Amino acid sequence: MLEEIKKLFAELHGGGKQTSHFDGSDYRVAAAALLVHEATLDGPLSAQARDKLRSLLMAQFSLSDALTDELIEAAVVADREAVDFYHFTSLLMRTLNEQGRARIIEMLWEMAYVNGSVSEFEDNMVWRVADLLAISPQERIALRQRVAARQPGRGAP
């Protein structure tokens, strides 16, 4: 009985919500927030972009459907609260090696190509993030070309 009353009060005060598996110091939230930002540069997150985001995060981080959705929710909040990319990129720099950081750039290009073409805003964002992640311009361009070559009916830009 006492536990039921505690639970009721916790729910009334918002404390009954399950704690998140992801917090602001989790590099996966930082990576996902950058992907969310890229996906929403041209407007709200489309169904096609959300599907791509889910598949990228599930594959990269070996997450279940429920954890992927939770990560996306945490990433949306983190992106909304961010004032710049530095918070995310500094965490990624401390956490990932060069190969891991290059994979983040590759994922950003995959999000940029989700609608078939890359806008100058999307290109600029990837350029800025790659710079903050110490990915050389040559590597950034090579990653773009690799992603572009995988697009249906497309070749390198």
N, C-alpha and C. Protein backbone atom coordinates (compact mmCIF):
# COMPACT_ATOMS: atom_id res chain seq x y z
N MET A 1 0.82 -1.19 0.00
CA MET A 1 0.00 0.00 0.00
C MET A 1 0.86 1.26 0.00
N LEU A 2 1.88 1.26 0.84
CA LEU A 2 2.76 2.41 0.92
C LEU A 2 3.49 2.63 -0.41
N GLU A 3 3.92 1.55 -1.06
CA GLU A 3 4.58 1.66 -2.36
C GLU A 3 3.63 2.24 -3.40
N GLU A 4 2.37 1.86 -3.36
CA GLU A 4 1.40 2.39 -4.32
C GLU A 4 1.20 3.89 -4.13
N ILE A 5 1.18 4.33 -2.90
CA ILE A 5 1.04 5.77 -2.61
C ILE A 5 2.28 6.52 -3.09
N LYS A 6 3.47 5.96 -2.84
CA LYS A 6 4.71 6.59 -3.32
C LYS A 6 4.70 6.70 -4.84
N LYS A 7 4.25 5.64 -5.46
CA LYS A 7 4.21 5.62 -6.93
C LYS A 7 3.25 6.68 -7.44
N LEU A 8 2.09 6.80 -6.82
CA LEU A 8 1.09 7.80 -7.21
C LEU A 8 1.67 9.21 -7.08
N PHE A 9 2.31 9.51 -5.94
CA PHE A 9 2.90 10.83 -5.75
C PHE A 9 4.03 11.08 -6.76
N ALA A 10 4.82 10.07 -7.03
CA ALA A 10 5.90 10.22 -8.00
C ALA A 10 5.34 10.51 -9.38
N GLU A 11 4.26 9.83 -9.76
CA GLU A 11 3.65 10.07 -11.07
C GLU A 11 3.03 11.47 -11.14
N LEU A 12 2.44 11.91 -10.06
CA LEU A 12 1.83 13.23 -10.03
C LEU A 12 2.88 14.33 -10.15
N HIS A 13 4.07 14.09 -9.65
CA HIS A 13 5.14 15.09 -9.69
C HIS A 13 6.14 14.83 -10.80
N GLY A 14 5.80 13.96 -11.73
CA GLY A 14 6.67 13.70 -12.86
C GLY A 14 7.84 12.79 -12.54
N GLY A 15 7.90 12.27 -11.36
CA GLY A 15 9.02 11.41 -10.98
C GLY A 15 8.79 9.95 -11.32
N GLY A 16 7.64 9.61 -11.83
CA GLY A 16 7.35 8.22 -12.15
C GLY A 16 7.85 7.82 -13.51
N LYS A 17 8.40 8.75 -14.23
CA LYS A 17 8.89 8.47 -15.56
C LYS A 17 10.16 7.63 -15.46
N GLN A 18 10.28 6.66 -16.34
CA GLN A 18 11.46 5.81 -16.36
C GLN A 18 12.69 6.64 -16.71
N THR A 19 13.79 6.34 -16.01
CA THR A 19 15.00 7.08 -16.30
C THR A 19 15.54 6.67 -17.67
N SER A 20 16.22 7.57 -18.29
CA SER A 20 16.74 7.35 -19.63
C SER A 20 18.01 6.51 -19.59
N HIS A 21 18.22 5.76 -20.65
CA HIS A 21 19.45 5.01 -20.81
C HIS A 21 20.56 5.90 -21.36
N PHE A 22 20.22 7.09 -21.78
CA PHE A 22 21.16 8.00 -22.42
C PHE A 22 21.16 9.33 -21.68
N ASP A 23 22.36 9.84 -21.40
CA ASP A 23 22.45 11.17 -20.79
C ASP A 23 23.36 12.06 -21.64
N GLY A 24 23.50 13.27 -21.23
CA GLY A 24 24.25 14.25 -22.01
C GLY A 24 25.72 13.93 -22.18
N SER A 25 26.26 13.04 -21.37
CA SER A 25 27.67 12.69 -21.50
C SER A 25 27.89 11.44 -22.36
N ASP A 26 26.81 10.93 -22.94
CA ASP A 26 26.88 9.74 -23.79
C ASP A 26 27.21 10.17 -25.21
N TYR A 27 28.32 9.67 -25.73
CA TYR A 27 28.74 10.08 -27.08
C TYR A 27 27.70 9.71 -28.13
N ARG A 28 26.88 8.69 -27.86
CA ARG A 28 25.84 8.31 -28.82
C ARG A 28 24.79 9.41 -28.94
N VAL A 29 24.49 10.09 -27.86
CA VAL A 29 23.55 11.22 -27.91
C VAL A 29 24.16 12.35 -28.73
N ALA A 30 25.46 12.60 -28.54
CA ALA A 30 26.13 13.65 -29.31
C ALA A 30 26.08 13.34 -30.80
N ALA A 31 26.40 12.11 -31.16
CA ALA A 31 26.37 11.71 -32.57
C ALA A 31 24.96 11.80 -33.13
N ALA A 32 23.99 11.29 -32.38
CA ALA A 32 22.60 11.31 -32.84
C ALA A 32 22.08 12.74 -32.95
N ALA A 33 22.48 13.62 -32.04
CA ALA A 33 22.03 15.02 -32.09
C ALA A 33 22.55 15.70 -33.35
N LEU A 34 23.78 15.41 -33.73
CA LEU A 34 24.31 15.97 -34.98
C LEU A 34 23.52 15.45 -36.17
N LEU A 35 23.17 14.17 -36.15
CA LEU A 35 22.38 13.59 -37.24
C LEU A 35 20.98 14.20 -37.28
N VAL A 36 20.39 14.41 -36.13
CA VAL A 36 19.06 15.04 -36.06
C VAL A 36 19.14 16.46 -36.63
N HIS A 37 20.19 17.18 -36.25
CA HIS A 37 20.33 18.55 -36.75
C HIS A 37 20.44 18.55 -38.27
N GLU A 38 21.26 17.66 -38.79
CA GLU A 38 21.43 17.55 -40.25
C GLU A 38 20.09 17.22 -40.91
N ALA A 39 19.35 16.30 -40.33
CA ALA A 39 18.09 15.85 -40.91
C ALA A 39 17.00 16.91 -40.87
N THR A 40 17.15 17.89 -39.99
CA THR A 40 16.09 18.91 -39.84
C THR A 40 16.52 20.29 -40.34
N LEU A 41 17.63 20.37 -41.04
CA LEU A 41 18.06 21.67 -41.58
C LEU A 41 17.05 22.24 -42.57
N ASP A 42 16.41 21.38 -43.33
CA ASP A 42 15.46 21.83 -44.35
C ASP A 42 14.02 21.85 -43.87
N GLY A 43 13.77 21.55 -42.60
CA GLY A 43 12.42 21.53 -42.07
C GLY A 43 12.27 20.42 -41.05
N PRO A 44 11.02 20.14 -40.67
CA PRO A 44 10.77 19.09 -39.67
C PRO A 44 11.29 17.73 -40.15
N LEU A 45 11.54 16.86 -39.20
CA LEU A 45 12.04 15.52 -39.49
C LEU A 45 10.99 14.74 -40.28
N SER A 46 11.31 14.45 -41.53
CA SER A 46 10.38 13.71 -42.38
C SER A 46 10.38 12.23 -42.01
N ALA A 47 9.37 11.52 -42.46
CA ALA A 47 9.30 10.09 -42.20
C ALA A 47 10.49 9.38 -42.82
N GLN A 48 10.86 9.78 -44.03
CA GLN A 48 11.99 9.17 -44.72
C GLN A 48 13.30 9.43 -43.95
N ALA A 49 13.48 10.63 -43.46
CA ALA A 49 14.68 10.97 -42.69
C ALA A 49 14.68 10.23 -41.36
N ARG A 50 13.52 10.13 -40.72
CA ARG A 50 13.45 9.41 -39.44
C ARG A 50 13.79 7.93 -39.64
N ASP A 51 13.30 7.33 -40.72
CA ASP A 51 13.62 5.93 -41.02
C ASP A 51 15.12 5.76 -41.22
N LYS A 52 15.74 6.68 -41.96
CA LYS A 52 17.19 6.61 -42.20
C LYS A 52 17.94 6.80 -40.89
N LEU A 53 17.52 7.76 -40.10
CA LEU A 53 18.13 8.01 -38.80
C LEU A 53 18.07 6.77 -37.92
N ARG A 54 16.89 6.16 -37.85
CA ARG A 54 16.73 4.93 -37.06
C ARG A 54 17.67 3.84 -37.54
N SER A 55 17.72 3.63 -38.85
CA SER A 55 18.55 2.54 -39.37
C SER A 55 20.04 2.81 -39.12
N LEU A 56 20.47 4.05 -39.29
CA LEU A 56 21.87 4.38 -39.02
C LEU A 56 22.23 4.15 -37.56
N LEU A 57 21.38 4.62 -36.65
CA LEU A 57 21.67 4.49 -35.22
C LEU A 57 21.60 3.03 -34.76
N MET A 58 20.61 2.31 -35.25
CA MET A 58 20.50 0.89 -34.88
C MET A 58 21.73 0.12 -35.33
N ALA A 59 22.16 0.35 -36.56
CA ALA A 59 23.31 -0.38 -37.10
C ALA A 59 24.61 0.04 -36.41
N GLN A 60 24.80 1.34 -36.24
CA GLN A 60 26.06 1.84 -35.67
C GLN A 60 26.23 1.46 -34.21
N PHE A 61 25.15 1.51 -33.43
CA PHE A 61 25.26 1.32 -31.99
C PHE A 61 24.63 0.01 -31.50
N SER A 62 24.18 -0.83 -32.41
CA SER A 62 23.58 -2.14 -32.06
C SER A 62 22.48 -2.00 -31.01
N LEU A 63 21.50 -1.17 -31.34
CA LEU A 63 20.41 -0.89 -30.41
C LEU A 63 19.12 -1.61 -30.82
N SER A 64 18.28 -1.86 -29.83
CA SER A 64 16.94 -2.39 -30.09
C SER A 64 16.06 -1.26 -30.62
N ASP A 65 14.87 -1.61 -31.09
CA ASP A 65 13.93 -0.59 -31.56
C ASP A 65 13.62 0.43 -30.46
N ALA A 66 13.33 -0.08 -29.26
CA ALA A 66 12.96 0.81 -28.15
C ALA A 66 14.11 1.72 -27.77
N LEU A 67 15.33 1.18 -27.69
CA LEU A 67 16.47 2.01 -27.33
C LEU A 67 16.80 3.02 -28.42
N THR A 68 16.60 2.63 -29.66
CA THR A 68 16.83 3.57 -30.77
C THR A 68 15.86 4.74 -30.67
N ASP A 69 14.60 4.46 -30.40
CA ASP A 69 13.62 5.53 -30.24
C ASP A 69 13.97 6.43 -29.06
N GLU A 70 14.44 5.83 -27.98
CA GLU A 70 14.84 6.61 -26.80
C GLU A 70 16.05 7.49 -27.13
N LEU A 71 16.99 6.95 -27.88
CA LEU A 71 18.17 7.73 -28.28
C LEU A 71 17.76 8.90 -29.16
N ILE A 72 16.84 8.66 -30.08
CA ILE A 72 16.38 9.75 -30.96
C ILE A 72 15.70 10.83 -30.14
N GLU A 73 14.88 10.45 -29.17
CA GLU A 73 14.22 11.43 -28.31
C GLU A 73 15.26 12.26 -27.55
N ALA A 74 16.27 11.59 -26.99
CA ALA A 74 17.33 12.29 -26.26
C ALA A 74 18.10 13.22 -27.19
N ALA A 75 18.33 12.77 -28.42
CA ALA A 75 19.06 13.56 -29.40
C ALA A 75 18.28 14.80 -29.82
N VAL A 76 16.98 14.65 -30.01
CA VAL A 76 16.14 15.80 -30.38
C VAL A 76 16.20 16.86 -29.28
N VAL A 77 16.10 16.43 -28.03
CA VAL A 77 16.17 17.37 -26.91
C VAL A 77 17.55 18.02 -26.86
N ALA A 78 18.60 17.22 -27.00
CA ALA A 78 19.96 17.77 -26.95
C ALA A 78 20.19 18.77 -28.08
N ASP A 79 19.71 18.44 -29.27
CA ASP A 79 19.87 19.36 -30.40
C ASP A 79 19.11 20.66 -30.16
N ARG A 80 17.93 20.55 -29.62
CA ARG A 80 17.10 21.73 -29.36
C ARG A 80 17.77 22.64 -28.33
N GLU A 81 18.46 22.06 -27.35
CA GLU A 81 19.07 22.84 -26.27
C GLU A 81 20.47 23.34 -26.62
N ALA A 82 21.07 22.82 -27.66
CA ALA A 82 22.45 23.17 -28.01
C ALA A 82 22.54 24.57 -28.62
N VAL A 83 23.62 25.25 -28.30
CA VAL A 83 23.85 26.56 -28.90
C VAL A 83 24.84 26.48 -30.06
N ASP A 84 25.60 25.40 -30.11
CA ASP A 84 26.55 25.19 -31.20
C ASP A 84 26.90 23.70 -31.28
N PHE A 85 27.79 23.35 -32.18
CA PHE A 85 28.19 21.95 -32.35
C PHE A 85 29.33 21.55 -31.42
N TYR A 86 29.99 22.51 -30.82
CA TYR A 86 31.19 22.23 -30.04
C TYR A 86 30.93 21.26 -28.90
N HIS A 87 29.82 21.41 -28.20
CA HIS A 87 29.51 20.51 -27.10
C HIS A 87 29.51 19.06 -27.58
N PHE A 88 28.91 18.82 -28.72
CA PHE A 88 28.84 17.46 -29.27
C PHE A 88 30.18 16.99 -29.80
N THR A 89 30.84 17.86 -30.56
CA THR A 89 32.09 17.43 -31.19
C THR A 89 33.21 17.26 -30.17
N SER A 90 33.22 18.06 -29.13
CA SER A 90 34.27 17.90 -28.11
C SER A 90 34.11 16.55 -27.40
N LEU A 91 32.88 16.15 -27.14
CA LEU A 91 32.62 14.84 -26.53
C LEU A 91 33.05 13.73 -27.49
N LEU A 92 32.73 13.87 -28.76
CA LEU A 92 33.13 12.86 -29.75
C LEU A 92 34.65 12.80 -29.89
N MET A 93 35.32 13.95 -29.83
CA MET A 93 36.79 13.97 -29.91
C MET A 93 37.42 13.23 -28.73
N ARG A 94 36.83 13.37 -27.55
CA ARG A 94 37.36 12.70 -26.36
C ARG A 94 37.07 11.20 -26.37
N THR A 95 36.02 10.80 -27.08
CA THR A 95 35.53 9.42 -26.99
C THR A 95 35.97 8.55 -28.16
N LEU A 96 35.99 9.10 -29.36
CA LEU A 96 36.21 8.28 -30.55
C LEU A 96 37.61 8.48 -31.13
N ASN A 97 38.11 7.43 -31.76
CA ASN A 97 39.36 7.56 -32.51
C ASN A 97 39.04 8.15 -33.88
N GLU A 98 40.08 8.33 -34.71
CA GLU A 98 39.87 8.98 -36.01
C GLU A 98 38.88 8.20 -36.88
N GLN A 99 38.98 6.89 -36.85
CA GLN A 99 38.06 6.07 -37.65
C GLN A 99 36.61 6.26 -37.19
N GLY A 100 36.40 6.33 -35.90
CA GLY A 100 35.05 6.55 -35.36
C GLY A 100 34.51 7.92 -35.72
N ARG A 101 35.38 8.93 -35.68
CA ARG A 101 34.95 10.28 -36.05
C ARG A 101 34.65 10.37 -37.54
N ALA A 102 35.43 9.67 -38.35
CA ALA A 102 35.15 9.63 -39.79
C ALA A 102 33.82 8.95 -40.05
N ARG A 103 33.49 7.95 -39.27
CA ARG A 103 32.20 7.27 -39.43
C ARG A 103 31.05 8.23 -39.13
N ILE A 104 31.22 9.11 -38.17
CA ILE A 104 30.19 10.12 -37.87
C ILE A 104 29.99 11.01 -39.09
N ILE A 105 31.07 11.43 -39.73
CA ILE A 105 30.97 12.27 -40.93
C ILE A 105 30.27 11.50 -42.05
N GLU A 106 30.61 10.25 -42.20
CA GLU A 106 29.95 9.43 -43.22
C GLU A 106 28.44 9.33 -42.95
N MET A 107 28.08 9.15 -41.69
CA MET A 107 26.66 9.09 -41.33
C MET A 107 25.97 10.43 -41.62
N LEU A 108 26.67 11.54 -41.37
CA LEU A 108 26.09 12.85 -41.68
C LEU A 108 25.84 12.98 -43.18
N TRP A 109 26.77 12.50 -43.99
CA TRP A 109 26.54 12.53 -45.44
C TRP A 109 25.34 11.66 -45.81
N GLU A 110 25.21 10.50 -45.16
CA GLU A 110 24.07 9.64 -45.45
C GLU A 110 22.75 10.34 -45.13
N MET A 111 22.73 11.08 -44.03
CA MET A 111 21.53 11.85 -43.69
C MET A 111 21.31 12.97 -44.70
N ALA A 112 22.38 13.60 -45.13
CA ALA A 112 22.26 14.71 -46.09
C ALA A 112 21.68 14.22 -47.41
N TYR A 113 22.02 13.01 -47.81
CA TYR A 113 21.55 12.47 -49.10
C TYR A 113 20.19 11.79 -49.00
N VAL A 114 19.57 11.80 -47.84
CA VAL A 114 18.31 11.06 -47.67
C VAL A 114 17.22 11.52 -48.64
N ASN A 115 17.21 12.78 -49.02
CA ASN A 115 16.18 13.27 -49.94
C ASN A 115 16.69 13.33 -51.38
N GLY A 116 17.87 12.77 -51.63
CA GLY A 116 18.38 12.68 -53.00
C GLY A 116 19.42 13.70 -53.37
N SER A 117 19.48 14.83 -52.69
CA SER A 117 20.48 15.85 -53.00
C SER A 117 20.91 16.53 -51.70
N VAL A 118 22.05 17.19 -51.77
CA VAL A 118 22.61 17.86 -50.60
C VAL A 118 22.50 19.36 -50.80
N SER A 119 21.85 20.03 -49.86
CA SER A 119 21.74 21.49 -49.95
C SER A 119 23.05 22.12 -49.48
N GLU A 120 23.23 23.40 -49.78
CA GLU A 120 24.45 24.08 -49.34
C GLU A 120 24.50 24.18 -47.82
N PHE A 121 23.34 24.22 -47.16
CA PHE A 121 23.31 24.25 -45.69
C PHE A 121 23.79 22.92 -45.12
N GLU A 122 23.34 21.83 -45.73
CA GLU A 122 23.78 20.50 -45.29
C GLU A 122 25.27 20.32 -45.52
N ASP A 123 25.74 20.74 -46.69
CA ASP A 123 27.16 20.65 -47.01
C ASP A 123 27.98 21.46 -46.02
N ASN A 124 27.52 22.66 -45.71
CA ASN A 124 28.23 23.53 -44.78
C ASN A 124 28.28 22.93 -43.38
N MET A 125 27.19 22.32 -42.96
CA MET A 125 27.17 21.71 -41.64
C MET A 125 28.19 20.58 -41.55
N VAL A 126 28.21 19.71 -42.56
CA VAL A 126 29.16 18.60 -42.55
C VAL A 126 30.59 19.14 -42.55
N TRP A 127 30.84 20.17 -43.34
CA TRP A 127 32.16 20.78 -43.38
C TRP A 127 32.57 21.28 -42.00
N ARG A 128 31.68 21.99 -41.32
CA ARG A 128 31.99 22.54 -39.99
C ARG A 128 32.21 21.44 -38.97
N VAL A 129 31.36 20.42 -38.97
CA VAL A 129 31.50 19.33 -38.01
C VAL A 129 32.79 18.54 -38.30
N ALA A 130 33.07 18.28 -39.57
CA ALA A 130 34.29 17.56 -39.92
C ALA A 130 35.52 18.33 -39.42
N ASP A 131 35.50 19.64 -39.58
CA ASP A 131 36.60 20.46 -39.11
C ASP A 131 36.76 20.33 -37.60
N LEU A 132 35.66 20.39 -36.87
CA LEU A 132 35.70 20.26 -35.40
C LEU A 132 36.12 18.85 -34.96
N LEU A 133 35.89 17.86 -35.81
CA LEU A 133 36.28 16.48 -35.49
C LEU A 133 37.66 16.12 -36.04
N ALA A 134 38.38 17.11 -36.55
CA ALA A 134 39.74 16.91 -37.08
C ALA A 134 39.76 15.91 -38.23
N ILE A 135 38.73 15.96 -39.06
CA ILE A 135 38.68 15.16 -40.29
C ILE A 135 39.14 16.09 -41.41
N SER A 136 40.14 15.67 -42.14
CA SER A 136 40.72 16.53 -43.17
C SER A 136 39.72 16.80 -44.29
N PRO A 137 39.90 17.90 -45.00
CA PRO A 137 39.02 18.17 -46.15
C PRO A 137 39.05 17.04 -47.18
N GLN A 138 40.21 16.44 -47.39
CA GLN A 138 40.31 15.35 -48.35
C GLN A 138 39.47 14.15 -47.91
N GLU A 139 39.54 13.82 -46.63
CA GLU A 139 38.76 12.69 -46.11
C GLU A 139 37.26 13.01 -46.16
N ARG A 140 36.89 14.24 -45.81
CA ARG A 140 35.48 14.65 -45.86
C ARG A 140 34.94 14.50 -47.28
N ILE A 141 35.70 14.94 -48.27
CA ILE A 141 35.27 14.85 -49.67
C ILE A 141 35.21 13.39 -50.11
N ALA A 142 36.21 12.60 -49.70
CA ALA A 142 36.21 11.17 -50.05
C ALA A 142 34.99 10.46 -49.46
N LEU A 143 34.64 10.81 -48.23
CA LEU A 143 33.46 10.21 -47.59
C LEU A 143 32.19 10.61 -48.34
N ARG A 144 32.12 11.87 -48.74
CA ARG A 144 30.95 12.33 -49.50
C ARG A 144 30.84 11.55 -50.81
N GLN A 145 31.94 11.40 -51.50
CA GLN A 145 31.93 10.69 -52.77
C GLN A 145 31.53 9.22 -52.59
N ARG A 146 32.01 8.62 -51.52
CA ARG A 146 31.65 7.22 -51.24
C ARG A 146 30.15 7.08 -50.98
N VAL A 147 29.59 7.98 -50.18
CA VAL A 147 28.15 7.95 -49.90
C VAL A 147 27.36 8.25 -51.17
N ALA A 148 27.79 9.25 -51.93
CA ALA A 148 27.09 9.62 -53.16
C ALA A 148 27.08 8.45 -54.15
N ALA A 149 28.17 7.73 -54.22
CA ALA A 149 28.26 6.60 -55.16
C ALA A 149 27.29 5.48 -54.79
N ARG A 150 26.91 5.40 -53.53
CA ARG A 150 25.95 4.37 -53.07
C ARG A 150 24.51 4.76 -53.30
N GLN A 151 24.27 6.00 -53.70
CA GLN A 151 22.90 6.47 -53.92
C GLN A 151 22.33 5.84 -55.17
N PRO A 152 21.07 5.42 -55.14
CA PRO A 152 20.46 4.82 -56.33
C PRO A 152 20.50 5.77 -57.52
N GLY A 153 21.06 5.31 -58.62
CA GLY A 153 21.08 6.10 -59.85
C GLY A 153 21.97 7.32 -59.80
N ARG A 154 22.90 7.34 -58.86
CA ARG A 154 23.76 8.53 -58.72
C ARG A 154 25.21 8.11 -58.71
N GLY A 155 26.04 9.03 -59.06
CA GLY A 155 27.48 8.86 -58.95
C GLY A 155 28.02 9.88 -58.01
N ALA A 156 29.30 10.05 -57.99
CA ALA A 156 29.92 11.05 -57.12
C ALA A 156 29.54 12.44 -57.57
N PRO A 157 29.50 13.41 -56.61
CA PRO A 157 29.10 14.78 -56.96
C PRO A 157 30.10 15.46 -57.86
